Amino acid sequence: MNDDPDDRHDHTGATGTSGAGALGGAAVEQFQRAALDAVRAARALLDAAESVIQEPAAIEAMVKTVVSVAKSASDVVAGFAPSPPDAADDDGDDGPDDGPDDGFEHISVG
């Protein structure tokens, strides 16, 4: 089998270009090309992983970047979290709050 992705030759042994044999041969040929592309991509990924593993400074930089991104994401999410209720505001009654109107109707259940 030829590794050239532009190779359009029928490697299935089918004779002729009409009928189901030609369609089946074309499908097999497309599958072969896709499989070869997947193997090439896997090789490239393994080569990249090998170079990262062999260079400890690259691993350290990658870990620092991941930690930095995780901390930034945590800070952003924490900014959206509601602040805990202040114990000084708790006067014991569950009546309507005299605070600013936030556009929501607060309903006490129970």
Protein backbone atom coordinates (compact mmCIF):
# COMPACT_ATOMS: atom_id res chain seq x y z
CA MET A 1 0.00 0.00 0.00
CA ASN A 2 1.23 3.45 -0.93
CA ASP A 3 1.41 6.11 1.84
CA ASP A 4 0.70 8.92 -0.62
CA PRO A 5 -2.67 10.49 0.34
CA ASP A 6 -3.21 11.57 -3.26
CA ASP A 7 -2.84 8.01 -4.53
CA ARG A 8 -6.13 7.19 -6.24
CA HIS A 9 -5.25 3.66 -7.40
CA ASP A 10 -7.54 0.78 -6.49
CA HIS A 11 -5.66 -1.52 -4.08
CA THR A 12 -8.58 -3.90 -3.61
CA GLY A 13 -8.05 -6.01 -6.71
CA ALA A 14 -11.43 -5.03 -8.16
CA THR A 15 -11.61 -5.08 -11.92
CA GLY A 16 -13.72 -2.44 -13.59
CA THR A 17 -15.28 0.73 -12.32
CA SER A 18 -18.97 -0.09 -12.29
CA GLY A 19 -21.24 -1.83 -9.82
CA ALA A 20 -20.98 -2.55 -6.10
CA GLY A 21 -17.37 -3.70 -6.39
CA ALA A 22 -16.20 -0.21 -7.32
CA LEU A 23 -18.17 1.36 -4.48
CA GLY A 24 -16.82 -1.17 -2.00
CA GLY A 25 -13.29 -0.64 -3.25
CA ALA A 26 -13.63 3.12 -2.91
CA ALA A 27 -14.92 2.71 0.65
CA VAL A 28 -12.00 0.46 1.56
CA GLU A 29 -9.58 2.91 0.01
CA GLN A 30 -11.07 5.82 1.98
CA PHE A 31 -10.89 3.77 5.18
CA GLN A 32 -7.23 2.96 4.49
CA ARG A 33 -6.43 6.65 4.01
CA ALA A 34 -8.27 7.60 7.20
CA ALA A 35 -6.50 4.87 9.16
CA LEU A 36 -3.10 6.04 7.88
CA ASP A 37 -3.94 9.63 8.84
CA ALA A 38 -4.89 8.45 12.35
CA VAL A 39 -1.60 6.55 12.67
CA ARG A 40 0.37 9.62 11.55
CA ALA A 41 -1.49 11.79 14.07
CA ALA A 42 -0.81 9.28 16.85
CA ARG A 43 2.88 9.24 15.95
CA ALA A 44 3.02 13.05 16.08
CA LEU A 45 1.31 13.02 19.47
CA LEU A 46 3.74 10.43 20.82
CA ASP A 47 6.70 12.40 19.46
CA ALA A 48 5.43 15.53 21.22
CA ALA A 49 4.86 13.61 24.46
CA GLU A 50 8.35 12.13 24.27
CA SER A 51 9.97 15.54 23.83
CA VAL A 52 8.01 16.95 26.80
CA ILE A 53 8.96 14.00 29.01
CA GLN A 54 12.63 14.32 28.11
CA GLU A 55 12.69 18.02 29.05
CA PRO A 56 11.89 18.54 32.78
CA ALA A 57 11.75 22.33 32.39
CA ALA A 58 8.95 21.94 29.86
CA ILE A 59 6.96 19.80 32.30
CA GLU A 60 7.49 22.37 35.08
CA ALA A 61 6.35 25.22 32.83
CA MET A 62 3.31 23.23 31.74
CA VAL A 63 2.33 22.43 35.35
CA LYS A 64 2.76 26.09 36.37
CA THR A 65 0.55 27.16 33.48
CA VAL A 66 -2.16 24.65 34.39
CA VAL A 67 -2.05 25.75 38.05
CA SER A 68 -2.26 29.41 37.04
CA VAL A 69 -5.23 28.79 34.76
CA ALA A 70 -6.98 26.74 37.46
CA LYS A 71 -6.43 29.50 40.05
CA SER A 72 -7.73 32.16 37.67
CA ALA A 73 -10.81 30.07 36.90
CA SER A 74 -11.38 29.51 40.63
CA ASP A 75 -11.13 33.26 41.29
CA VAL A 76 -13.62 34.01 38.51
CA VAL A 77 -16.09 31.41 39.79
CA ALA A 78 -15.69 32.70 43.36
CA GLY A 79 -16.63 36.18 42.12
CA PHE A 80 -20.03 34.84 41.05
CA ALA A 81 -20.74 32.98 44.29
CA PRO A 82 -23.15 34.72 46.67
CA SER A 83 -21.55 36.13 49.77
CA PRO A 84 -22.42 34.30 52.99
CA PRO A 85 -25.12 35.93 55.14
CA ASP A 86 -23.72 38.31 57.72
CA ALA A 87 -24.48 37.24 61.30
CA ALA A 88 -24.98 40.91 62.31
CA ASP A 89 -27.91 41.22 59.85
CA ASP A 90 -29.76 38.27 61.37
CA ASP A 91 -32.35 39.85 63.65
CA GLY A 92 -34.27 36.63 64.09
CA ASP A 93 -37.34 37.48 62.05
CA ASP A 94 -37.97 36.12 58.62
CA GLY A 95 -40.01 39.14 57.53
CA PRO A 96 -39.41 41.25 54.48
CA ASP A 97 -35.95 42.69 54.15
CA ASP A 98 -35.65 46.46 54.17
CA GLY A 99 -32.67 46.22 51.80
CA PRO A 100 -32.52 47.56 48.27
CA ASP A 101 -35.09 46.32 45.76
CA ASP A 102 -33.28 43.78 43.60
CA GLY A 103 -36.22 43.17 41.27
CA PHE A 104 -37.15 39.80 42.80
CA GLU A 105 -40.13 38.99 44.99
CA HIS A 106 -38.89 37.07 48.02
CA ILE A 107 -41.42 34.58 49.32
CA SER A 108 -41.04 32.94 52.76
CA VAL A 109 -42.05 29.28 52.79
CA GLY A 110 -43.04 27.56 56.00
